[in-house]
Protein backbone atom coordinates (compact mmCIF):
# COMPACT_ATOMS: atom_id res chain seq x y z
CA UNK A 1 -27.27 40.00 12.30
CA UNK A 2 -27.74 36.27 12.82
CA UNK A 3 -24.30 34.45 12.62
CA UNK A 4 -23.87 31.87 9.95
CA UNK A 5 -22.82 28.49 11.27
CA UNK A 6 -20.51 26.79 8.77
CA UNK A 7 -19.65 23.16 8.87
CA UNK A 8 -15.81 22.71 8.90
CA UNK A 9 -14.29 21.21 5.81
CA UNK A 10 -12.96 18.23 7.84
CA UNK A 11 -16.49 17.32 8.83
CA UNK A 12 -18.25 18.05 5.49
CA UNK A 13 -19.48 14.64 4.56
CA UNK A 14 -20.22 15.42 0.82
CA UNK A 15 -16.81 16.95 0.44
CA UNK A 16 -15.14 13.99 2.01
CA UNK A 17 -17.01 11.58 -0.29
CA UNK A 18 -16.12 13.60 -3.35
CA UNK A 19 -12.42 13.76 -2.24
CA UNK A 20 -12.38 9.92 -1.65
CA UNK A 21 -14.00 9.34 -5.10
CA UNK A 22 -11.40 11.52 -6.73
CA UNK A 23 -8.65 9.64 -4.85
CA UNK A 24 -10.12 6.28 -6.24
CA UNK A 25 -10.06 7.65 -9.80
CA UNK A 26 -6.35 8.23 -9.51
CA UNK A 27 -5.87 4.56 -10.07
CA UNK A 28 -7.55 4.36 -13.46
CA UNK A 29 -5.41 1.36 -14.44
CA UNK A 30 -6.81 -0.71 -11.66
CA UNK A 31 -10.30 0.25 -12.46
CA UNK A 32 -9.71 -0.61 -16.18
CA UNK A 33 -8.15 -3.91 -15.16
CA UNK A 34 -11.28 -4.79 -13.04
CA UNK A 35 -13.79 -3.89 -15.77
CA UNK A 36 -11.73 -5.90 -18.37
CA UNK A 37 -11.72 -8.99 -16.06
CA UNK A 38 -15.35 -8.59 -15.38
CA UNK A 39 -16.22 -8.43 -19.18
CA UNK A 40 -13.90 -11.30 -19.96
CA UNK A 41 -15.52 -13.45 -17.23
CA UNK A 42 -19.04 -12.55 -18.48
CA UNK A 43 -18.15 -13.32 -22.01
CA UNK A 44 -16.58 -16.72 -21.06
CA UNK A 45 -19.67 -17.73 -19.10
CA UNK A 46 -21.92 -16.74 -21.93
CA UNK A 47 -19.85 -18.42 -24.69
CA UNK A 48 -18.26 -21.48 -23.07
CA UNK A 49 -21.19 -22.53 -20.84
CA UNK A 50 -23.53 -25.26 -22.23
CA UNK A 51 -26.96 -24.20 -23.33
CA UNK A 52 -29.87 -25.58 -21.16
CA UNK A 53 -33.50 -25.60 -21.81
CA UNK A 54 -36.29 -25.48 -19.08
CA UNK A 55 -39.92 -26.93 -19.63
CA UNK A 56 -42.53 -26.30 -16.91
CA UNK A 57 -45.76 -28.14 -16.06
CA UNK A 58 -48.40 -27.41 -13.36
CA UNK A 59 -50.37 -29.95 -11.38
CA UNK A 60 -53.28 -29.12 -9.29
CA UNK A 61 -53.52 -31.32 -6.18
CA UNK A 62 -56.85 -32.65 -4.79
CA UNK A 63 -57.79 -35.22 -2.17
CA UNK A 64 -60.25 -38.13 -2.50
CA UNK A 65 -63.92 -37.11 -2.12
CA UNK A 66 -67.21 -38.91 -2.08
CA UNK A 67 -69.37 -36.38 -3.97
CA UNK A 68 -67.43 -33.54 -5.55
CA UNK A 69 -70.75 -31.88 -6.58
CA UNK A 70 -72.21 -31.82 -3.04
CA UNK A 71 -72.72 -28.54 -1.32
CA UNK A 72 -69.82 -27.62 0.88
CA UNK A 73 -67.56 -30.31 -0.55
CA UNK A 74 -63.85 -29.26 -0.99
CA UNK A 75 -61.06 -30.99 -2.64
CA UNK A 76 -58.36 -29.54 -0.36
CA UNK A 77 -59.41 -31.40 2.82
CA UNK A 78 -56.34 -32.82 4.59
CA UNK A 79 -53.80 -31.71 1.97
CA UNK A 80 -50.40 -30.51 3.29
CA UNK A 81 -48.93 -28.81 0.24
CA UNK A 82 -45.46 -28.75 1.77
CA UNK A 83 -45.42 -32.50 2.29
CA UNK A 84 -46.83 -32.96 -1.29
CA UNK A 85 -43.90 -30.89 -2.60
CA UNK A 86 -41.43 -33.15 -0.83
CA UNK A 87 -43.11 -36.23 -2.17
CA UNK A 88 -42.88 -34.79 -5.77
CA UNK A 89 -39.06 -34.73 -5.55
CA UNK A 90 -38.80 -38.13 -3.72
CA UNK A 91 -36.88 -41.13 -5.07
CA UNK A 92 -40.19 -43.02 -5.63
CA UNK A 93 -41.54 -40.54 -8.03
CA UNK A 94 -38.09 -40.40 -9.84
CA UNK A 95 -38.03 -44.19 -10.10
CA UNK A 96 -41.52 -44.24 -11.65
CA UNK A 97 -40.67 -41.53 -14.09
CA UNK A 98 -37.39 -43.19 -15.08
CA UNK A 99 -39.24 -46.41 -15.81
CA UNK A 100 -41.72 -44.53 -18.09
CA UNK A 101 -38.88 -42.73 -19.91
CA UNK A 102 -37.02 -45.95 -20.37
CA UNK A 103 -40.02 -47.38 -22.32
CA UNK A 104 -39.72 -44.30 -24.64
CA UNK A 105 -36.04 -44.84 -25.18
CA UNK A 106 -34.54 -42.32 -22.69
CA UNK A 107 -32.26 -44.32 -20.33
CA UNK A 108 -31.72 -42.15 -17.30
CA UNK A 109 -31.32 -43.01 -13.64
CA UNK A 110 -33.64 -41.66 -10.93
CA UNK A 111 -30.91 -39.66 -9.20
CA UNK A 112 -29.80 -38.00 -12.45
CA UNK A 113 -33.33 -37.37 -13.36
CA UNK A 114 -34.17 -35.67 -10.02
CA UNK A 115 -31.04 -33.52 -10.36
CA UNK A 116 -32.58 -31.38 -12.99
CA UNK A 117 -36.13 -31.15 -11.29
CA UNK A 118 -37.34 -28.12 -9.41
CA UNK A 119 -40.81 -28.14 -7.71
CA UNK A 120 -42.28 -24.94 -6.53
CA UNK A 121 -45.68 -23.92 -5.04
CA UNK A 122 -47.26 -20.61 -5.96
CA UNK A 123 -48.48 -18.86 -2.83
CA UNK A 124 -52.12 -19.59 -1.67
CA UNK A 125 -52.72 -22.34 -4.23
CA UNK A 126 -52.79 -26.18 -4.31
CA UNK A 127 -50.74 -26.13 -7.48
CA UNK A 128 -47.28 -27.78 -7.86
CA UNK A 129 -45.04 -26.36 -10.62
CA UNK A 130 -42.68 -28.89 -12.17
CA UNK A 131 -39.73 -27.33 -13.80
CA UNK A 132 -37.11 -29.47 -15.56
CA UNK A 133 -33.85 -28.22 -16.92
CA UNK A 134 -32.34 -30.45 -19.70
CA UNK A 135 -29.83 -30.41 -22.49
CA UNK A 136 -32.53 -30.15 -25.37
CA UNK A 137 -36.00 -28.72 -25.60
CA UNK A 138 -37.53 -32.08 -26.29
CA UNK A 139 -35.68 -33.79 -23.47
CA UNK A 140 -36.77 -31.12 -20.90
CA UNK A 141 -40.39 -31.37 -22.03
CA UNK A 142 -40.51 -35.17 -21.98
CA UNK A 143 -38.88 -35.51 -18.53
CA UNK A 144 -41.09 -32.70 -17.02
CA UNK A 145 -44.27 -34.45 -18.15
CA UNK A 146 -43.03 -37.86 -17.06
CA UNK A 147 -42.24 -36.50 -13.53
CA UNK A 148 -45.59 -34.71 -13.30
CA UNK A 149 -47.54 -37.92 -14.36
CA UNK A 150 -45.30 -40.10 -12.08
CA UNK A 151 -46.30 -37.91 -9.12
CA UNK A 152 -49.96 -38.13 -10.02
CA UNK A 153 -49.77 -41.98 -10.43
CA UNK A 154 -47.88 -42.34 -7.06
CA UNK A 155 -50.41 -40.17 -5.33
CA UNK A 156 -53.35 -42.16 -6.79
CA UNK A 157 -51.74 -45.37 -5.85
CA UNK A 158 -51.14 -44.17 -2.38
CA UNK A 159 -54.79 -43.11 -2.03
CA UNK A 160 -56.14 -46.34 -3.35
CA UNK A 161 -53.82 -48.28 -0.99
CA UNK A 162 -55.16 -46.31 1.98
CA UNK A 163 -58.75 -46.95 0.92
CA UNK A 164 -58.00 -50.73 0.60
CA UNK A 165 -56.37 -50.81 3.98
CA UNK A 166 -59.37 -49.09 5.65
CA UNK A 167 -61.75 -51.37 3.90
CA UNK A 168 -59.77 -54.43 4.97
CA UNK A 169 -59.99 -53.35 8.54
CA UNK A 170 -63.74 -52.93 8.26
CA UNK A 171 -64.01 -56.36 6.76
CA UNK A 172 -62.00 -57.74 9.61
CA UNK A 173 -64.46 -56.32 12.04
CA UNK A 174 -67.42 -57.55 9.96
CA UNK A 175 -66.33 -61.27 9.92
CA UNK A 176 -66.82 -62.09 13.59
CA UNK A 177 -70.10 -60.22 13.68
CA UNK A 178 -71.48 -62.38 10.77
CA UNK A 179 -70.38 -65.56 12.55
CA UNK A 180 -72.06 -64.45 15.80
CA UNK A 181 -75.21 -63.50 13.86
CA UNK A 182 -75.38 -66.97 12.23
CA UNK A 183 -75.01 -68.64 15.60
CA UNK A 184 -77.82 -66.60 17.07
CA UNK A 185 -80.07 -67.50 14.08
CA UNK A 186 -79.56 -71.19 14.92
CA UNK A 187 -80.47 -70.67 18.42
CA UNK A 188 -83.64 -68.64 17.60
CA UNK A 189 -86.87 -70.52 17.38
CA UNK A 190 -90.52 -70.50 18.52
CA UNK A 191 -89.48 -70.32 22.18
CA UNK A 192 -86.43 -68.24 21.88
CA UNK A 193 -85.83 -65.81 24.77
CA UNK A 194 -86.19 -62.04 24.21
CA UNK A 195 -82.43 -61.43 24.99
CA UNK A 196 -81.33 -63.63 22.16
CA UNK A 197 -83.58 -61.75 19.77
CA UNK A 198 -82.26 -58.35 20.98
CA UNK A 199 -78.65 -59.45 20.61
CA UNK A 200 -79.25 -60.71 17.12
CA UNK A 201 -80.88 -57.38 16.20
CA UNK A 202 -77.97 -55.37 17.60
CA UNK A 203 -75.49 -57.44 15.63
CA UNK A 204 -77.44 -56.87 12.45
CA UNK A 205 -77.34 -53.15 13.04
CA UNK A 206 -73.52 -53.26 13.44
CA UNK A 207 -73.04 -55.43 10.32
CA UNK A 208 -75.10 -52.84 8.37
CA UNK A 209 -73.10 -49.97 9.62
CA UNK A 210 -69.72 -51.63 8.69
CA UNK A 211 -71.17 -52.61 5.29
CA UNK A 212 -72.23 -49.06 4.67
CA UNK A 213 -68.67 -47.64 5.48
CA UNK A 214 -67.11 -50.21 3.12
CA UNK A 215 -69.43 -49.19 0.46
CA UNK A 216 -68.60 -45.52 0.92
CA UNK A 217 -64.89 -46.10 0.81
CA UNK A 218 -65.41 -47.97 -2.49
CA UNK A 219 -67.42 -45.15 -3.93
CA UNK A 220 -64.77 -42.46 -3.22
CA UNK A 221 -63.40 -40.36 -6.15
CA UNK A 222 -59.72 -41.19 -5.98
CA UNK A 223 -58.55 -38.68 -8.66
CA UNK A 224 -55.21 -37.45 -7.16
CA UNK A 225 -55.19 -34.13 -9.28
CA UNK A 226 -55.04 -32.65 -12.79
CA UNK A 227 -52.26 -31.76 -15.13
CA UNK A 228 -53.50 -28.18 -15.75
CA UNK A 229 -50.50 -27.21 -17.83
CA UNK A 230 -48.72 -29.70 -20.00
CA UNK A 231 -45.01 -29.03 -20.38
CA UNK A 232 -44.15 -27.79 -23.91
CA UNK A 233 -40.67 -27.76 -25.63
CA UNK A 234 -39.00 -24.39 -24.90
CA UNK A 235 -37.93 -22.26 -27.92
CA UNK A 236 -34.96 -20.61 -26.43
CA UNK A 237 -32.25 -21.62 -23.85
CA UNK A 238 -32.68 -20.49 -20.27
CA UNK A 239 -30.30 -18.25 -18.36
CA UNK A 240 -28.78 -14.83 -18.95
CA UNK A 241 -27.75 -14.07 -22.56
CA UNK A 242 -24.57 -12.57 -23.70
CA UNK A 243 -25.53 -8.84 -23.42
CA UNK A 244 -26.79 -9.44 -19.87
CA UNK A 245 -23.71 -11.50 -18.74
CA UNK A 246 -21.39 -8.71 -20.25
CA UNK A 247 -23.42 -6.08 -18.36
CA UNK A 248 -23.21 -7.95 -15.15
CA UNK A 249 -19.55 -8.75 -15.77
CA UNK A 250 -18.89 -5.03 -16.31
CA UNK A 251 -20.66 -4.09 -13.03
CA UNK A 252 -18.97 -6.81 -11.09
CA UNK A 253 -15.48 -5.86 -12.68
CA UNK A 254 -16.12 -2.12 -11.75
CA UNK A 255 -16.82 -3.20 -8.25
CA UNK A 256 -13.58 -5.29 -8.26
CA UNK A 257 -11.67 -2.34 -9.76
CA UNK A 258 -13.02 0.02 -6.94
CA UNK A 259 -12.05 -2.62 -4.34
CA UNK A 260 -8.48 -2.85 -5.79
CA UNK A 261 -8.25 0.93 -5.99
CA UNK A 262 -9.36 1.23 -2.36
CA UNK A 263 -6.72 -1.27 -1.20
CA UNK A 264 -4.11 0.53 -3.30
CA UNK A 265 -5.20 3.69 -1.71
CA UNK A 266 -5.04 2.43 1.85
CA UNK A 267 -1.47 1.25 1.39
CA UNK A 268 -0.32 4.27 -0.84
CA UNK A 269 2.26 6.38 1.14
CA UNK A 270 1.77 9.35 -1.25
CA UNK A 271 -0.26 12.18 -0.46
CA UNK A 272 -3.85 11.53 -1.44
CA UNK A 273 -5.37 14.93 -1.38
CA UNK A 274 -4.67 18.69 -0.84
CA UNK A 275 -6.29 18.51 2.57
CA UNK A 276 -3.95 15.66 3.52
CA UNK A 277 -0.95 17.64 2.23
CA UNK A 278 -1.86 20.67 4.36
CA UNK A 279 -2.41 18.53 7.36
CA UNK A 280 0.92 16.64 7.04
CA UNK A 281 2.98 19.75 6.23
CA UNK A 282 1.32 21.95 8.65
CA UNK A 283 1.28 24.85 6.16
CA UNK A 284 -1.16 26.18 3.60
CA UNK A 285 -1.24 25.36 -0.15
CA UNK A 286 0.07 28.37 -1.94
CA UNK A 287 -0.78 27.22 -5.43
CA UNK A 288 -0.99 24.42 -8.08
CA UNK A 289 0.97 24.96 -11.26
CA UNK A 290 -0.88 24.08 -14.52
CA UNK A 291 0.69 21.95 -17.20
CA UNK A 292 2.50 24.09 -19.67
CA UNK A 293 2.62 22.30 -23.09
CA UNK A 294 5.05 24.55 -24.91
CA UNK A 295 8.29 22.80 -25.68
CA UNK A 296 11.52 24.65 -25.37
CA UNK A 297 9.91 27.81 -24.03
CA UNK A 298 12.72 28.31 -21.38
CA UNK A 299 12.75 28.40 -17.65
CA UNK A 300 10.86 31.81 -17.16
CA UNK A 301 7.15 31.55 -17.75
CA UNK A 302 6.74 35.27 -16.70
CA UNK A 303 7.38 37.27 -19.77
CA UNK A 304 5.44 34.99 -22.11
CA UNK A 305 2.22 36.55 -23.06
CA UNK A 306 -0.98 34.79 -22.05
CA UNK A 307 0.68 31.98 -20.02
CA UNK A 308 -1.41 30.31 -17.37
CA UNK A 309 1.74 29.21 -15.59
CA UNK A 310 2.90 32.83 -15.37
CA UNK A 311 -0.36 33.89 -13.97
CA UNK A 312 -0.16 31.19 -11.25
CA UNK A 313 3.37 32.17 -10.31
CA UNK A 314 2.11 35.90 -9.96
CA UNK A 315 -0.70 34.69 -7.83
CA UNK A 316 1.66 32.85 -5.47
CA UNK A 317 4.02 35.87 -5.23
CA UNK A 318 1.04 38.10 -4.46
CA UNK A 319 0.02 35.74 -1.72
CA UNK A 320 3.44 35.61 -0.22
CA UNK A 321 3.79 39.34 -0.38
CA UNK A 322 0.75 39.68 1.98
CA UNK A 323 1.85 36.85 4.27
CA UNK A 324 2.82 38.41 7.71
CA UNK A 325 5.75 36.02 8.17
CA UNK A 326 7.27 36.77 4.78
CA UNK A 327 6.48 40.43 4.72
CA UNK A 328 8.42 40.90 8.03
CA UNK A 329 11.69 39.23 6.79
CA UNK A 330 11.31 39.26 2.99
CA UNK A 331 13.49 36.14 2.76
CA UNK A 332 12.28 32.91 1.08
CA UNK A 333 13.99 29.48 0.87
CA UNK A 334 12.74 27.53 -2.06
CA UNK A 335 13.49 23.75 -1.91
CA UNK A 336 12.05 20.29 -2.86
CA UNK A 337 11.57 17.18 -0.69
CA UNK A 338 13.83 14.94 -2.52
CA UNK A 339 14.84 13.81 -6.08
CA UNK A 340 15.04 16.35 -9.01
CA UNK A 341 15.37 20.03 -8.05
CA UNK A 342 14.37 21.33 -11.50
CA UNK A 343 10.83 22.37 -10.54
CA UNK A 344 12.11 24.23 -7.40
CA UNK A 345 14.64 26.08 -9.57
CA UNK A 346 11.82 27.07 -12.01
CA UNK A 347 9.65 28.20 -9.09
CA UNK A 348 12.47 30.34 -7.58
CA UNK A 349 13.29 31.98 -10.82
CA UNK A 350 9.62 32.79 -11.68
CA UNK A 351 8.87 34.05 -8.32
CA UNK A 352 11.96 36.35 -8.48
CA UNK A 353 10.66 37.57 -11.82
CA UNK A 354 7.09 38.11 -10.23
CA UNK A 355 8.54 40.17 -7.42
CA UNK A 356 10.50 42.14 -9.88
CA UNK A 357 7.29 43.00 -11.71
CA UNK A 358 6.07 44.52 -8.49
CA UNK A 359 8.87 46.92 -8.46
CA UNK A 360 11.00 45.20 -5.84
CA UNK A 361 14.82 44.75 -5.93
CA UNK A 362 15.10 40.93 -6.02
CA UNK A 363 18.20 38.92 -5.28
CA UNK A 364 18.06 35.21 -6.36
CA UNK A 365 20.80 33.06 -4.77
CA UNK A 366 21.43 29.60 -6.05
CA UNK A 367 22.66 27.62 -2.98
CA UNK A 368 22.62 24.37 -4.92
CA UNK A 369 26.34 23.90 -4.96
CA UNK A 370 26.35 20.34 -5.96
CA UNK A 371 24.50 20.51 -9.30
CA UNK A 372 24.23 24.14 -10.19
CA UNK A 373 22.29 24.61 -13.36
CA UNK A 374 20.24 27.83 -12.94
CA UNK A 375 22.45 30.06 -14.88
CA UNK A 376 22.58 27.65 -17.79
CA UNK A 377 18.77 27.28 -17.74
CA UNK A 378 18.26 31.03 -17.85
CA UNK A 379 20.46 31.26 -20.89
CA UNK A 380 20.86 34.58 -22.66
CA UNK A 381 18.47 36.30 -20.23
CA UNK A 382 21.33 36.34 -17.69
CA UNK A 383 24.31 38.79 -18.17
CA UNK A 384 27.29 39.68 -15.88
CA UNK A 385 26.96 42.60 -13.56
CA UNK A 386 29.32 44.33 -11.03
CA UNK A 387 29.51 42.83 -7.55
CA UNK A 388 29.07 45.12 -4.60
CA UNK A 389 32.25 46.62 -3.00
CA UNK A 390 32.09 44.55 0.18
CA UNK A 391 32.07 41.32 -1.87
CA UNK A 392 35.19 42.47 -3.73
CA UNK A 393 36.98 43.47 -0.43
CA UNK A 394 36.01 40.51 1.70
CA UNK A 395 35.91 37.69 -0.80
CA UNK A 396 38.48 35.76 -2.72
CA UNK A 397 36.45 35.30 -5.82
CA UNK A 398 34.88 32.07 -4.68
CA UNK A 399 31.10 31.52 -4.12
CA UNK A 400 29.16 33.66 -3.18
CA UNK A 401 31.46 36.62 -3.62
CA UNK A 402 32.10 35.75 -7.25
CA UNK A 403 30.23 37.08 -10.21
CA UNK A 404 26.64 38.22 -10.23
CA UNK A 405 24.33 38.08 -13.10
CA UNK A 406 21.47 40.36 -14.03
CA UNK A 407 18.40 38.55 -15.51
CA UNK A 408 16.17 40.48 -17.76
CA UNK A 409 12.53 39.50 -17.82
CA UNK A 410 10.81 40.87 -21.02
CA UNK A 411 8.31 43.46 -20.18
CA UNK A 412 8.59 42.89 -16.35
CA UNK A 413 11.92 44.18 -15.17
CA UNK A 414 14.99 42.43 -13.91
CA UNK A 415 16.44 40.63 -10.89
CA UNK A 416 19.99 39.75 -9.68
CA UNK A 417 21.17 36.17 -9.69
CA UNK A 418 24.05 34.77 -7.73
CA UNK A 419 24.64 31.50 -9.57
CA UNK A 420 25.83 28.50 -7.79
CA UNK A 421 29.22 26.86 -8.47
CA UNK A 422 30.81 23.55 -7.52
CA UNK A 423 32.91 23.93 -4.30
CA UNK A 424 34.99 21.50 -2.25
CA UNK A 425 33.23 22.07 1.04
CA UNK A 426 29.52 22.82 0.65
CA UNK A 427 28.62 23.11 4.40
CA UNK A 428 31.40 25.61 4.98
CA UNK A 429 30.50 27.65 1.95
CA UNK A 430 26.77 27.80 3.03
CA UNK A 431 27.69 28.86 6.60
CA UNK A 432 30.32 31.48 5.49
CA UNK A 433 29.93 35.13 6.56
CA UNK A 434 29.41 36.27 2.90
CA UNK A 435 26.28 34.25 2.81
CA UNK A 436 25.00 36.07 5.87
CA UNK A 437 25.82 39.42 4.18
CA UNK A 438 24.00 38.47 1.08
CA UNK A 439 20.90 37.25 2.89
CA UNK A 440 21.05 40.41 5.07
CA UNK A 441 20.44 42.47 1.93
CA UNK A 442 16.71 41.70 2.51
CA UNK A 443 16.78 44.16 5.36
CA UNK A 444 17.08 47.05 2.87
CA UNK A 445 13.68 48.57 2.03
CA UNK A 446 11.92 47.05 -0.97
CA UNK A 447 14.54 44.17 -1.32
CA UNK A 448 13.49 40.55 -1.53
CA UNK A 449 16.02 37.59 -1.23
CA UNK A 450 15.10 34.22 -2.62
CA UNK A 451 17.39 31.37 -1.91
CA UNK A 452 17.24 28.00 -3.94
CA UNK A 453 18.45 25.08 -1.93
CA UNK A 454 18.90 21.32 -2.79
CA UNK A 455 16.19 18.87 -1.75
CA UNK A 456 15.88 19.11 2.00
CA UNK A 457 15.67 15.31 2.52
CA UNK A 458 18.64 14.56 0.19
CA UNK A 459 21.19 16.94 1.73
CA UNK A 460 21.44 19.10 4.86
CA UNK A 461 22.16 22.23 2.73
CA UNK A 462 18.68 23.71 3.20
CA UNK A 463 18.84 23.03 7.03
CA UNK A 464 22.10 25.01 7.16
CA UNK A 465 20.30 28.10 5.61
CA UNK A 466 17.10 27.92 7.65
CA UNK A 467 18.46 29.93 10.60
CA UNK A 468 19.16 32.84 8.13
CA UNK A 469 16.22 32.29 5.73
CA UNK A 470 13.41 31.38 8.11
CA UNK A 471 10.68 31.27 5.58
CA UNK A 472 10.52 28.00 3.56
CA UNK A 473 8.35 27.07 0.60
CA UNK A 474 8.19 23.36 -0.49
CA UNK A 475 7.93 22.63 -4.27
CA UNK A 476 6.61 19.07 -4.81
CA UNK A 477 4.56 16.71 -6.93
CA UNK A 478 1.58 15.52 -5.04
CA UNK A 479 1.73 12.06 -6.75
CA UNK A 480 5.24 11.44 -5.65
CA UNK A 481 5.80 13.01 -2.35
CA UNK A 482 4.96 10.81 0.73
CA UNK A 483 3.08 11.84 3.81
CA UNK A 484 6.01 10.79 6.00
CA UNK A 485 8.31 13.02 4.06
CA UNK A 486 6.15 16.10 4.62
CA UNK A 487 5.89 15.33 8.37
CA UNK A 488 9.66 14.93 8.57
CA UNK A 489 10.27 18.25 6.70
CA UNK A 490 7.99 19.97 9.04
CA UNK A 491 9.84 18.60 12.11
CA UNK A 492 13.29 19.35 10.59
CA UNK A 493 12.49 22.96 9.64
CA UNK A 494 10.69 23.63 13.07
CA UNK A 495 13.63 22.20 14.91
CA UNK A 496 15.99 24.46 12.97
CA UNK A 497 14.07 27.58 13.88
CA UNK A 498 12.39 28.20 10.54
CA UNK A 499 8.70 27.84 9.41
CA UNK A 500 7.08 26.48 6.41
CA UNK A 501 5.18 29.26 4.61
CA UNK A 502 3.38 26.88 2.28
CA UNK A 503 3.57 24.27 -0.55
CA UNK A 504 3.60 24.76 -4.26
CA UNK A 505 2.30 21.78 -6.35
CA UNK A 506 3.62 21.12 -9.90
CA UNK A 507 2.35 18.47 -12.32
CA UNK A 508 4.11 15.20 -12.79
CA UNK A 509 7.18 15.41 -15.01
CA UNK A 510 6.06 12.28 -16.81
CA UNK A 511 2.92 13.97 -17.98
CA UNK A 512 4.94 16.97 -19.22
CA UNK A 513 7.12 14.69 -21.15
CA UNK A 514 4.17 13.00 -22.93
CA UNK A 515 2.75 16.48 -23.72
CA UNK A 516 6.14 17.62 -25.18
CA UNK A 517 6.23 14.64 -27.56
CA UNK A 518 3.12 15.67 -29.39
CA UNK A 519 4.60 18.72 -31.26
CA UNK A 520 7.52 16.52 -32.37
CA UNK A 521 5.31 13.84 -33.78
CA UNK A 522 3.21 16.55 -35.50
CA UNK A 523 6.36 18.04 -37.07
CA UNK A 524 7.36 14.47 -38.39
CA UNK A 525 3.88 14.04 -39.94
CA UNK A 526 4.25 17.30 -41.80
CA UNK A 527 7.26 16.03 -43.66
CA UNK A 528 9.88 18.23 -42.02
CA UNK A 529 10.36 20.49 -45.17
CA UNK A 530 10.47 24.22 -44.70
CA UNK A 531 9.96 26.08 -41.49
CA UNK A 532 7.31 24.82 -39.16
CA UNK A 533 4.69 27.44 -38.45
CA UNK A 534 4.31 28.26 -34.77
CA UNK A 535 1.70 26.13 -32.96
CA UNK A 536 -0.64 28.19 -30.81
CA UNK A 537 -0.44 27.26 -27.21
CA UNK A 538 -3.38 25.11 -26.08
CA UNK A 539 -3.26 26.52 -22.62
CA UNK A 540 -3.36 30.14 -23.79
CA UNK A 541 -6.45 31.62 -22.19
CA UNK A 542 -8.60 34.33 -23.50
CA UNK A 543 -9.30 37.48 -21.33
CA UNK A 544 -10.88 36.03 -18.26
CA UNK A 545 -10.92 39.00 -16.06
CA UNK A 546 -8.76 37.24 -13.40
CA UNK A 547 -7.24 39.95 -11.00
CA UNK A 548 -3.95 38.16 -11.02
CA UNK A 549 -3.46 39.11 -14.74
CA UNK A 550 -2.80 42.63 -13.86
CA UNK A 551 -0.50 41.97 -10.91
CA UNK A 552 2.62 43.07 -12.78
CA UNK A 553 1.11 46.49 -13.20
CA UNK A 554 0.64 46.99 -9.48
CA UNK A 555 3.19 48.61 -7.20
CA UNK A 556 3.36 46.74 -4.00
CA UNK A 557 4.97 48.37 -0.99
CA UNK A 558 6.33 45.81 1.55
CA UNK A 559 6.69 47.00 5.13
CA UNK A 560 10.21 47.72 6.45
CA UNK A 561 11.79 45.21 8.82
CA UNK A 562 11.38 45.82 12.55
CA UNK A 563 14.46 47.04 14.39
């Protein structure tokens, strides 16, 4: 069979682009700010800018020619259209046009007049296009026409001046020849020599040639060109309108928002993707908890019918059960990076319930001795049970040899909880021999021990337990945990002799609070009279055929520890 070559995910360019685009969309506020700024800028340019009008006229340039109807005669002989374009925007043309406009009552200087003029040349033509932008339609039309006619007048005057200069040169050559001819006529007579007669004839020929050239110059057609298209008053202002400026502003604003989001992403210390979380922590992603929108439902999601959150916890427990590192020791330390430990407590309780569904004997130890709340959160589900004989013999009634609680999970089973209590010396309590005896109960076949520890970067409590509970699961919010925190956690746990089994992601608590406010506002709108009918859970799925939904019905046999 031909092997299939699969491109690694780290080098999958489409996946990387999709990942980067999703990361940019995390900063929706910056994107919205950029779009709003662009729209405001486009609207300001459209409404606050002065309206301008542009009138256009076209002039066809031609050179002086003796017979325009002769075969082979062309009007473009000796025309440099680039030079003619520069002449059209010269100060001389502007001064002539300003004088013409002054006679019509438009007092404008040549410099100001030329500021609104634009002369262009369509390719492969001898046409100059005069476009003038003015404040009113009539002003733009009159000034465009005045400039075009001023250019034609200037070019005609320049051509006539060139003809007059050439004719004057010919006349200057003709005058001495005529004087010499008159002198030779006086010397001519009956006995005149042949050389005098020959010289006189040559002079007459030269005089005739010069006279012919002067006549040809005077006969030239000096028309400089034609105004093929007279400027007309425009009916609408030039430039982009309000819809176009708003669209351009929106596009520019979106680009600005993406730039701001990219800059924010570059300097954001938080984890930007699941791939980056796995790379920083050096452990796989065990699962991502969905948002549970049921207010006051309690800490245990397992036991509530049709809960997506419960199914995700079952999937995580199933994955841990088949993890070789966990299956060998059956010990799990659940902790958070820093801050609130509520999500880690919920994860520990629900994983204990999930393993109880599998038929395992589960012991949940709350090692958070600074702010113990797990027993209170479980509420009526927890009830007192008898402690083992060794705990009564060796302990003095303090943690962890005090009371134990049995936690009933509706329809799933039960697990044992050792609740945490406030002690004077937390490090001594965590490293005491009874803690080792309790964690050692995982050596019994079919027993799982889960330890809930305070945030690993806030206190050293979790580090003190790593040598006994080697498998660690990190419960964190990907939007709040930093990459440097994950790298530091990996180094701390590795240096303590443990290993990170994986990470469990939970949604932001701010989102959960916003979701929990909705049922309260709905109850206020209903008037508050009488019992409120139960609101169906929006996240309650129909039968999807997910194999994790039947996880609680399976009996999973974990391998016995190696001796």
